[in-house]
Amino acid sequence: MCGRYTLFVEQTELEDRFDARFVDSSGGFSPRYNMAPGQHLPVITNDAPETIRRLEWGLIPSWADDDSDGIINARAETVAEKPSFRDAYERRPSASEQRDGEHDTPSAGRCLVPADGFYEWVETDDGKQPYRVCYEDNRVFALAGLWTRWEPDDETTQAGLDSFGGGVETEVDDDGPLETFTIITTEPNAVVEDVHHRMAVILEPTAEREWLTADDPSDLLEPISATDMRAYPVSTAVNNPTVDDRSLVEPLES
């Protein structure tokens, strides 16, 4: 699974990398070293690829009775079949198609999740040891994700994923629609297989827009090449989602 990740570039670099801009209501972006479920994090959705919005990590299907059980990962092998994901996985209309009135505004779809690394945990005799997986140059990449919009009925209260994560948070409307996302995982590549049996789907830069628009993007969900990637041990301080500083990404001294 992918349960924590990092993104510590400056806002202008992030916007230039994806040719998208933060919407005014998002409050901008500051470098993050411990992004966790339950937090509202930068995402680029298929229906608005020119903007970066904050969605809550932990997908709530539109048909769910409440928002207490957000799903943080979806398996690539079954994402087109599972009821929780298949509606979002299906091709969604582009922004231009919506403007032309050809389709209604979607309430689910595919998305890009910007990151520059993610954490995995290895069982050791002394407990679980966290590792950070990234490129040697800490380049920014996009994880393949799905998003949905869940609307509570009059009797529903929003619970969220506070019990899982928490930590850094932004102001959101607890009474309105809740937009959430999940990260797709696949088999590990040659670097990740030494630390975990699954890894987040990293998209090739040339495939990012295809992921948002293709009729059948299943071939994009294969493990990415391990070239120029590394995995290294980091401090167990990352286990606490309220800790979010640069020391978390420093290699652990042996």
C-alpha atoms as a PDB file:
ATOM      1  CA  MET A   1       0.000   0.000   0.000  1.00  0.00           C
ATOM      2  CA  CYS A   2       0.956   3.661  -0.207  1.00  0.00           C
ATOM      3  CA  GLY A   3       0.106   5.322   3.096  1.00  0.00           C
ATOM      4  CA  ARG A   4       2.386   8.390   3.202  1.00  0.00           C
ATOM      5  CA  TYR A   5       4.196  10.483   0.619  1.00  0.00           C
ATOM      6  CA  THR A   6       6.229  13.657   0.155  1.00  0.00           C
ATOM      7  CA  LEU A   7       6.131  16.752  -2.023  1.00  0.00           C
ATOM      8  CA  PHE A   8       8.619  19.414  -1.004  1.00  0.00           C
ATOM      9  CA  VAL A   9       9.034  21.593  -4.077  1.00  0.00           C
ATOM     10  CA  GLU A  10       8.020  25.241  -4.083  1.00  0.00           C
ATOM     11  CA  GLN A  11       4.589  26.195  -5.400  1.00  0.00           C
ATOM     12  CA  THR A  12       5.854  27.853  -8.591  1.00  0.00           C
ATOM     13  CA  GLU A  13       7.916  24.797  -9.534  1.00  0.00           C
ATOM     14  CA  LEU A  14       4.950  22.518  -8.899  1.00  0.00           C
ATOM     15  CA  GLU A  15       2.651  24.667 -11.014  1.00  0.00           C
ATOM     16  CA  ASP A  16       5.159  24.860 -13.856  1.00  0.00           C
ATOM     17  CA  ARG A  17       5.789  21.099 -13.759  1.00  0.00           C
ATOM     18  CA  PHE A  18       2.117  20.315 -14.392  1.00  0.00           C
ATOM     19  CA  ASP A  19       1.190  23.468 -16.309  1.00  0.00           C
ATOM     20  CA  ALA A  20      -1.583  24.036 -13.769  1.00  0.00           C
ATOM     21  CA  ARG A  21      -2.292  26.649 -11.115  1.00  0.00           C
ATOM     22  CA  PHE A  22      -3.671  26.440  -7.598  1.00  0.00           C
ATOM     23  CA  VAL A  23      -7.213  27.734  -7.358  1.00  0.00           C
ATOM     24  CA  ASP A  24      -7.592  30.832  -5.201  1.00  0.00           C
ATOM     25  CA  SER A  25      -9.550  29.032  -2.476  1.00  0.00           C
ATOM     26  CA  SER A  26      -6.835  26.401  -1.955  1.00  0.00           C
ATOM     27  CA  GLY A  27      -4.554  28.710   0.010  1.00  0.00           C
ATOM     28  CA  GLY A  28      -1.474  27.906  -2.064  1.00  0.00           C
ATOM     29  CA  PHE A  29       1.120  25.300  -1.228  1.00  0.00           C
ATOM     30  CA  SER A  30       4.028  24.821   1.168  1.00  0.00           C
ATOM     31  CA  PRO A  31       6.563  21.964   0.984  1.00  0.00           C
ATOM     32  CA  ARG A  32       5.333  18.792   2.680  1.00  0.00           C
ATOM     33  CA  TYR A  33       7.360  15.890   4.060  1.00  0.00           C
ATOM     34  CA  ASN A  34       4.650  13.665   5.541  1.00  0.00           C
ATOM     35  CA  MET A  35       1.393  13.717   3.597  1.00  0.00           C
ATOM     36  CA  ALA A  36      -1.136  11.420   5.242  1.00  0.00           C
ATOM     37  CA  PRO A  37      -4.662  10.063   4.793  1.00  0.00           C
ATOM     38  CA  GLY A  38      -7.406  12.392   5.963  1.00  0.00           C
ATOM     39  CA  GLN A  39      -5.516  15.478   4.835  1.00  0.00           C
ATOM     40  CA  HIS A  40      -6.557  17.734   1.956  1.00  0.00           C
ATOM     41  CA  LEU A  41      -3.748  17.451  -0.585  1.00  0.00           C
ATOM     42  CA  PRO A  42      -2.921  18.782  -4.083  1.00  0.00           C
ATOM     43  CA  VAL A  43      -4.611  16.885  -6.912  1.00  0.00           C
ATOM     44  CA  ILE A  44      -5.180  17.566 -10.620  1.00  0.00           C
ATOM     45  CA  THR A  45      -8.501  16.156 -11.804  1.00  0.00           C
ATOM     46  CA  ASN A  46      -9.550  15.149 -15.304  1.00  0.00           C
ATOM     47  CA  ASP A  47     -12.397  17.686 -15.376  1.00  0.00           C
ATOM     48  CA  ALA A  48     -10.110  20.653 -14.586  1.00  0.00           C
ATOM     49  CA  PRO A  49      -6.543  19.775 -15.690  1.00  0.00           C
ATOM     50  CA  GLU A  50      -5.451  23.410 -15.642  1.00  0.00           C
ATOM     51  CA  THR A  51      -6.005  23.765 -11.896  1.00  0.00           C
ATOM     52  CA  ILE A  52      -4.578  22.199  -8.739  1.00  0.00           C
ATOM     53  CA  ARG A  53      -7.129  21.615  -6.019  1.00  0.00           C
ATOM     54  CA  ARG A  54      -7.034  20.105  -2.545  1.00  0.00           C
ATOM     55  CA  LEU A  55      -8.981  16.877  -2.119  1.00  0.00           C
ATOM     56  CA  GLU A  56      -9.140  14.681   0.952  1.00  0.00           C
ATOM     57  CA  TRP A  57      -7.028  11.528   0.765  1.00  0.00           C
ATOM     58  CA  GLY A  58      -9.347   8.587   1.340  1.00  0.00           C
ATOM     59  CA  LEU A  59     -11.926   7.957  -1.380  1.00  0.00           C
ATOM     60  CA  ILE A  60     -15.578   7.924  -0.362  1.00  0.00           C
ATOM     61  CA  PRO A  61     -17.783   6.322  -3.052  1.00  0.00           C
ATOM     62  CA  SER A  62     -20.703   8.534  -4.033  1.00  0.00           C
ATOM     63  CA  TRP A  63     -23.135   5.867  -2.827  1.00  0.00           C
ATOM     64  CA  ALA A  64     -21.595   5.510   0.664  1.00  0.00           C
ATOM     65  CA  ASP A  65     -23.863   6.104   3.670  1.00  0.00           C
ATOM     66  CA  ASP A  66     -21.209   8.179   5.420  1.00  0.00           C
ATOM     67  CA  ASP A  67     -17.599   9.292   5.046  1.00  0.00           C
ATOM     68  CA  SER A  68     -16.067   7.290   7.879  1.00  0.00           C
ATOM     69  CA  ASP A  69     -14.177   4.707   5.799  1.00  0.00           C
ATOM     70  CA  GLY A  70     -12.103   6.479   3.169  1.00  0.00           C
ATOM     71  CA  ILE A  71     -10.150   4.148   0.863  1.00  0.00           C
ATOM     72  CA  ILE A  72      -6.554   5.310   0.444  1.00  0.00           C
ATOM     73  CA  ASN A  73      -5.449   2.757  -2.196  1.00  0.00           C
ATOM     74  CA  ALA A  74      -6.974   0.902  -5.149  1.00  0.00           C
ATOM     75  CA  ARG A  75      -5.368  -2.129  -6.771  1.00  0.00           C
ATOM     76  CA  ALA A  76      -4.570  -1.697 -10.478  1.00  0.00           C
ATOM     77  CA  GLU A  77      -5.598  -5.284 -11.163  1.00  0.00           C
ATOM     78  CA  THR A  78      -9.226  -4.765 -10.037  1.00  0.00           C
ATOM     79  CA  VAL A  79      -9.792  -1.001 -10.289  1.00  0.00           C
ATOM     80  CA  ALA A  80     -12.048  -1.365 -13.349  1.00  0.00           C
ATOM     81  CA  GLU A  81     -14.241  -3.937 -11.591  1.00  0.00           C
ATOM     82  CA  LYS A  82     -14.636  -2.903  -7.962  1.00  0.00           C
ATOM     83  CA  PRO A  83     -17.870  -0.965  -7.296  1.00  0.00           C
ATOM     84  CA  SER A  84     -15.962   1.604  -5.239  1.00  0.00           C
ATOM     85  CA  PHE A  85     -13.712   2.538  -8.172  1.00  0.00           C
ATOM     86  CA  ARG A  86     -15.139   1.514 -11.541  1.00  0.00           C
ATOM     87  CA  ASP A  87     -17.333   4.592 -12.004  1.00  0.00           C
ATOM     88  CA  ALA A  88     -14.370   6.909 -11.421  1.00  0.00           C
ATOM     89  CA  TYR A  89     -12.110   4.767 -13.595  1.00  0.00           C
ATOM     90  CA  GLU A  90     -14.349   5.044 -16.653  1.00  0.00           C
ATOM     91  CA  ARG A  91     -13.500   7.789 -19.118  1.00  0.00           C
ATOM     92  CA  ARG A  92     -14.882  11.168 -18.108  1.00  0.00           C
ATOM     93  CA  PRO A  93     -15.743  14.154 -20.322  1.00  0.00           C
ATOM     94  CA  SER A  94     -13.116  16.829 -20.834  1.00  0.00           C
ATOM     95  CA  ALA A  95     -13.558  20.391 -19.634  1.00  0.00           C
ATOM     96  CA  SER A  96     -14.286  21.513 -23.209  1.00  0.00           C
ATOM     97  CA  GLU A  97     -16.985  18.860 -23.597  1.00  0.00           C
ATOM     98  CA  GLN A  98     -18.625  20.118 -20.409  1.00  0.00           C
ATOM     99  CA  ARG A  99     -18.499  23.733 -21.591  1.00  0.00           C
ATOM    100  CA  ASP A 100     -20.081  22.734 -24.891  1.00  0.00           C
ATOM    101  CA  GLY A 101     -22.939  21.157 -22.994  1.00  0.00           C
ATOM    102  CA  GLU A 102     -22.275  17.677 -24.312  1.00  0.00           C
ATOM    103  CA  HIS A 103     -22.056  16.171 -20.811  1.00  0.00           C
ATOM    104  CA  ASP A 104     -23.035  16.937 -17.234  1.00  0.00           C
ATOM    105  CA  THR A 105     -20.325  17.986 -14.818  1.00  0.00           C
ATOM    106  CA  PRO A 106     -18.760  14.718 -13.555  1.00  0.00           C
ATOM    107  CA  SER A 107     -18.796  13.700  -9.908  1.00  0.00           C
ATOM    108  CA  ALA A 108     -15.940  11.197 -10.266  1.00  0.00           C
ATOM    109  CA  GLY A 109     -12.965  10.540 -12.489  1.00  0.00           C
ATOM    110  CA  ARG A 110      -9.232  10.047 -12.773  1.00  0.00           C
ATOM    111  CA  CYS A 111      -6.622  12.360 -11.315  1.00  0.00           C
ATOM    112  CA  LEU A 112      -2.924  13.062 -10.980  1.00  0.00           C
ATOM    113  CA  VAL A 113      -1.440  13.107  -7.490  1.00  0.00           C
ATOM    114  CA  PRO A 114       1.817  15.134  -7.483  1.00  0.00           C
ATOM    115  CA  ALA A 115       4.619  13.666  -5.355  1.00  0.00           C
ATOM    116  CA  ASP A 116       8.392  13.424  -5.180  1.00  0.00           C
ATOM    117  CA  GLY A 117       8.604  10.326  -2.996  1.00  0.00           C
ATOM    118  CA  PHE A 118       6.578   7.899  -0.896  1.00  0.00           C
ATOM    119  CA  TYR A 119       7.188   5.874   2.238  1.00  0.00           C
ATOM    120  CA  GLU A 120       7.038   2.120   2.754  1.00  0.00           C
ATOM    121  CA  TRP A 121       7.687   0.114   5.910  1.00  0.00           C
ATOM    122  CA  VAL A 122       9.894  -2.983   6.280  1.00  0.00           C
ATOM    123  CA  GLU A 123       9.468  -5.521   9.067  1.00  0.00           C
ATOM    124  CA  THR A 124      12.683  -5.901  11.111  1.00  0.00           C
ATOM    125  CA  ASP A 125      13.624  -7.538  14.387  1.00  0.00           C
ATOM    126  CA  ASP A 126      13.321  -4.107  16.011  1.00  0.00           C
ATOM    127  CA  GLY A 127       9.938  -3.258  14.492  1.00  0.00           C
ATOM    128  CA  LYS A 128       8.875  -1.569  11.282  1.00  0.00           C
ATOM    129  CA  GLN A 129      11.545   0.515   9.568  1.00  0.00           C
ATOM    130  CA  PRO A 130      10.291   3.256   7.214  1.00  0.00           C
ATOM    131  CA  TYR A 131      11.954   3.733   3.824  1.00  0.00           C
ATOM    132  CA  ARG A 132      11.516   6.600   1.410  1.00  0.00           C
ATOM    133  CA  VAL A 133      11.225   5.704  -2.282  1.00  0.00           C
ATOM    134  CA  CYS A 134      12.143   8.430  -4.776  1.00  0.00           C
ATOM    135  CA  TYR A 135      14.283   9.350  -7.763  1.00  0.00           C
ATOM    136  CA  GLU A 136      17.961  10.102  -7.194  1.00  0.00           C
ATOM    137  CA  ASP A 137      17.379  13.754  -8.106  1.00  0.00           C
ATOM    138  CA  ASN A 138      14.099  14.056  -6.118  1.00  0.00           C
ATOM    139  CA  ARG A 139      12.208  14.962  -9.303  1.00  0.00           C
ATOM    140  CA  VAL A 140       8.471  15.508  -9.077  1.00  0.00           C
ATOM    141  CA  PHE A 141       6.229  12.849 -10.611  1.00  0.00           C
ATOM    142  CA  ALA A 142       2.538  12.039 -10.810  1.00  0.00           C
ATOM    143  CA  LEU A 143       0.833   9.115  -9.101  1.00  0.00           C
ATOM    144  CA  ALA A 144      -2.242   7.661 -10.788  1.00  0.00           C
ATOM    145  CA  GLY A 145      -5.339   8.389  -8.755  1.00  0.00           C
ATOM    146  CA  LEU A 146      -9.141   8.399  -8.776  1.00  0.00           C
ATOM    147  CA  TRP A 147     -11.440  11.013  -7.270  1.00  0.00           C
ATOM    148  CA  THR A 148     -15.101  11.252  -6.317  1.00  0.00           C
ATOM    149  CA  ARG A 149     -17.539  13.812  -4.981  1.00  0.00           C
ATOM    150  CA  TRP A 150     -19.644  12.577  -2.064  1.00  0.00           C
ATOM    151  CA  GLU A 151     -22.667  14.532  -0.878  1.00  0.00           C
ATOM    152  CA  PRO A 152     -24.069  13.920   2.609  1.00  0.00           C
ATOM    153  CA  ASP A 153     -27.793  13.725   3.136  1.00  0.00           C
ATOM    154  CA  ASP A 154     -29.536  15.852   5.757  1.00  0.00           C
ATOM    155  CA  GLU A 155     -28.932  13.338   8.550  1.00  0.00           C
ATOM    156  CA  THR A 156     -25.272  12.559   7.796  1.00  0.00           C
ATOM    157  CA  THR A 157     -22.337  13.964   9.755  1.00  0.00           C
ATOM    158  CA  GLN A 158     -18.868  13.939   8.277  1.00  0.00           C
ATOM    159  CA  ALA A 159     -16.334  11.917  10.252  1.00  0.00           C
ATOM    160  CA  GLY A 160     -13.301  11.818   7.970  1.00  0.00           C
ATOM    161  CA  LEU A 161     -10.038   9.913   8.508  1.00  0.00           C
ATOM    162  CA  ASP A 162      -8.842  11.722  11.613  1.00  0.00           C
ATOM    163  CA  SER A 163      -8.263   8.444  13.410  1.00  0.00           C
ATOM    164  CA  PHE A 164      -5.770   7.389  10.714  1.00  0.00           C
ATOM    165  CA  GLY A 165      -3.838  10.523  10.018  1.00  0.00           C
ATOM    166  CA  GLY A 166      -4.645  14.085  10.931  1.00  0.00           C
ATOM    167  CA  GLY A 167      -1.658  16.369  11.122  1.00  0.00           C
ATOM    168  CA  VAL A 168      -1.493  19.383   8.822  1.00  0.00           C
ATOM    169  CA  GLU A 169      -4.924  20.380   7.608  1.00  0.00           C
ATOM    170  CA  THR A 170      -6.704  23.108   5.707  1.00  0.00           C
ATOM    171  CA  GLU A 171     -10.092  24.665   6.251  1.00  0.00           C
ATOM    172  CA  VAL A 172     -12.934  22.797   4.532  1.00  0.00           C
ATOM    173  CA  ASP A 173     -16.710  22.967   4.512  1.00  0.00           C
ATOM    174  CA  ASP A 174     -17.969  20.181   6.782  1.00  0.00           C
ATOM    175  CA  ASP A 175     -21.554  20.591   5.568  1.00  0.00           C
ATOM    176  CA  GLY A 176     -21.070  20.581   1.794  1.00  0.00           C
ATOM    177  CA  PRO A 177     -19.928  18.024  -0.772  1.00  0.00           C
ATOM    178  CA  LEU A 178     -16.698  16.185   0.049  1.00  0.00           C
ATOM    179  CA  GLU A 179     -14.202  15.545  -2.748  1.00  0.00           C
ATOM    180  CA  THR A 180     -11.840  12.674  -2.042  1.00  0.00           C
ATOM    181  CA  PHE A 181      -9.181  10.655  -3.846  1.00  0.00           C
ATOM    182  CA  THR A 182      -7.346   7.357  -3.750  1.00  0.00           C
ATOM    183  CA  ILE A 183      -3.930   6.299  -5.079  1.00  0.00           C
ATOM    184  CA  ILE A 184      -3.655   3.267  -7.354  1.00  0.00           C
ATOM    185  CA  THR A 185      -1.050   0.612  -6.541  1.00  0.00           C
ATOM    186  CA  THR A 186       0.572  -2.087  -8.648  1.00  0.00           C
ATOM    187  CA  GLU A 187       3.311  -4.724  -8.487  1.00  0.00           C
ATOM    188  CA  PRO A 188       6.690  -3.374  -7.263  1.00  0.00           C
ATOM    189  CA  ASN A 189       9.609  -2.584  -9.542  1.00  0.00           C
ATOM    190  CA  ALA A 190      13.173  -3.759  -8.889  1.00  0.00           C
ATOM    191  CA  VAL A 191      13.833  -1.065  -6.287  1.00  0.00           C
ATOM    192  CA  VAL A 192      10.576  -1.284  -4.343  1.00  0.00           C
ATOM    193  CA  GLU A 193      10.391  -5.090  -4.261  1.00  0.00           C
ATOM    194  CA  ASP A 194      13.163  -5.123  -1.659  1.00  0.00           C
ATOM    195  CA  VAL A 195      10.992  -3.154   0.777  1.00  0.00           C
ATOM    196  CA  HIS A 196       7.355  -3.912  -0.118  1.00  0.00           C
ATOM    197  CA  HIS A 197       5.159  -6.164  -2.276  1.00  0.00           C
ATOM    198  CA  ARG A 198       3.176  -3.235  -3.728  1.00  0.00           C
ATOM    199  CA  MET A 199       3.999   0.260  -4.960  1.00  0.00           C
ATOM    200  CA  ALA A 200       2.097   3.351  -6.037  1.00  0.00           C
ATOM    201  CA  VAL A 201       1.607   3.689  -9.794  1.00  0.00           C
ATOM    202  CA  ILE A 202       4.048   6.335 -11.064  1.00  0.00           C
ATOM    203  CA  LEU A 203       3.079   7.674 -14.472  1.00  0.00           C
ATOM    204  CA  GLU A 204       5.610   8.527 -17.144  1.00  0.00           C
ATOM    205  CA  PRO A 205       5.450  12.309 -17.750  1.00  0.00           C
ATOM    206  CA  THR A 206       4.351  11.681 -21.329  1.00  0.00           C
ATOM    207  CA  ALA A 207       1.466   9.518 -20.091  1.00  0.00           C
ATOM    208  CA  GLU A 208       0.000  11.891 -17.527  1.00  0.00           C
ATOM    209  CA  ARG A 209      -2.536  13.564 -19.823  1.00  0.00           C
ATOM    210  CA  GLU A 210      -3.356  10.198 -21.359  1.00  0.00           C
ATOM    211  CA  TRP A 211      -4.252   8.900 -17.907  1.00  0.00           C
ATOM    212  CA  LEU A 212      -6.777  11.715 -17.545  1.00  0.00           C
ATOM    213  CA  THR A 213      -8.405  11.265 -20.959  1.00  0.00           C
ATOM    214  CA  ALA A 214      -7.863   7.780 -22.446  1.00  0.00           C
ATOM    215  CA  ASP A 215     -10.784   5.440 -23.059  1.00  0.00           C
ATOM    216  CA  ASP A 216      -8.735   2.509 -21.747  1.00  0.00           C
ATOM    217  CA  PRO A 217      -5.668   3.512 -19.679  1.00  0.00           C
ATOM    218  CA  SER A 218      -5.007   0.046 -18.242  1.00  0.00           C
ATOM    219  CA  ASP A 219      -1.605  -0.219 -19.939  1.00  0.00           C
ATOM    220  CA  LEU A 220      -0.439   2.808 -17.936  1.00  0.00           C
ATOM    221  CA  LEU A 221      -0.784   0.967 -14.623  1.00  0.00           C
ATOM    222  CA  GLU A 222       2.302  -1.242 -15.000  1.00  0.00           C
ATOM    223  CA  PRO A 223       5.284  -0.785 -12.612  1.00  0.00           C
ATOM    224  CA  ILE A 224       7.520   2.029 -13.777  1.00  0.00           C
ATOM    225  CA  SER A 225      11.180   1.384 -14.590  1.00  0.00           C
ATOM    226  CA  ALA A 226      13.453   1.386 -11.552  1.00  0.00           C
ATOM    227  CA  THR A 227      16.133   3.348 -13.423  1.00  0.00           C
ATOM    228  CA  ASP A 228      17.440   6.272 -11.329  1.00  0.00           C
ATOM    229  CA  MET A 229      15.258   5.306  -8.367  1.00  0.00           C
ATOM    230  CA  ARG A 230      16.354   4.503  -4.840  1.00  0.00           C
ATOM    231  CA  ALA A 231      14.907   3.439  -1.481  1.00  0.00           C
ATOM    232  CA  TYR A 232      16.621   4.445   1.748  1.00  0.00           C
ATOM    233  CA  PRO A 233      15.792   4.184   5.468  1.00  0.00           C
ATOM    234  CA  VAL A 234      14.513   7.263   7.296  1.00  0.00           C
ATOM    235  CA  SER A 235      13.577   8.178  10.852  1.00  0.00           C
ATOM    236  CA  THR A 236      10.607   6.500  12.520  1.00  0.00           C
ATOM    237  CA  ALA A 237       9.412  10.024  13.316  1.00  0.00           C
ATOM    238  CA  VAL A 238       7.511   9.760  10.019  1.00  0.00           C
ATOM    239  CA  ASN A 239       5.150   7.345  11.788  1.00  0.00           C
ATOM    240  CA  ASN A 240       3.564  10.375  13.462  1.00  0.00           C
ATOM    241  CA  PRO A 241       1.470  12.274  10.871  1.00  0.00           C
ATOM    242  CA  THR A 242       1.699  15.480  12.912  1.00  0.00           C
ATOM    243  CA  VAL A 243       5.469  15.580  12.298  1.00  0.00           C
ATOM    244  CA  ASP A 244       6.139  17.297   8.977  1.00  0.00           C
ATOM    245  CA  ASP A 245       9.631  18.721   8.509  1.00  0.00           C
ATOM    246  CA  ARG A 246      12.667  18.195   6.302  1.00  0.00           C
ATOM    247  CA  SER A 247      14.424  15.916   8.775  1.00  0.00           C
ATOM    248  CA  LEU A 248      11.996  13.154   7.787  1.00  0.00           C
ATOM    249  CA  VAL A 249      13.562  12.780   4.326  1.00  0.00           C
ATOM    250  CA  GLU A 250      17.169  12.720   5.516  1.00  0.00           C
ATOM    251  CA  PRO A 251      18.816   9.278   5.151  1.00  0.00           C
ATOM    252  CA  LEU A 252      19.095   7.418   8.429  1.00  0.00           C
ATOM    253  CA  GLU A 253      22.673   7.202   9.602  1.00  0.00           C
ATOM    254  CA  SER A 254      23.850   3.618   9.973  1.00  0.00           C
END
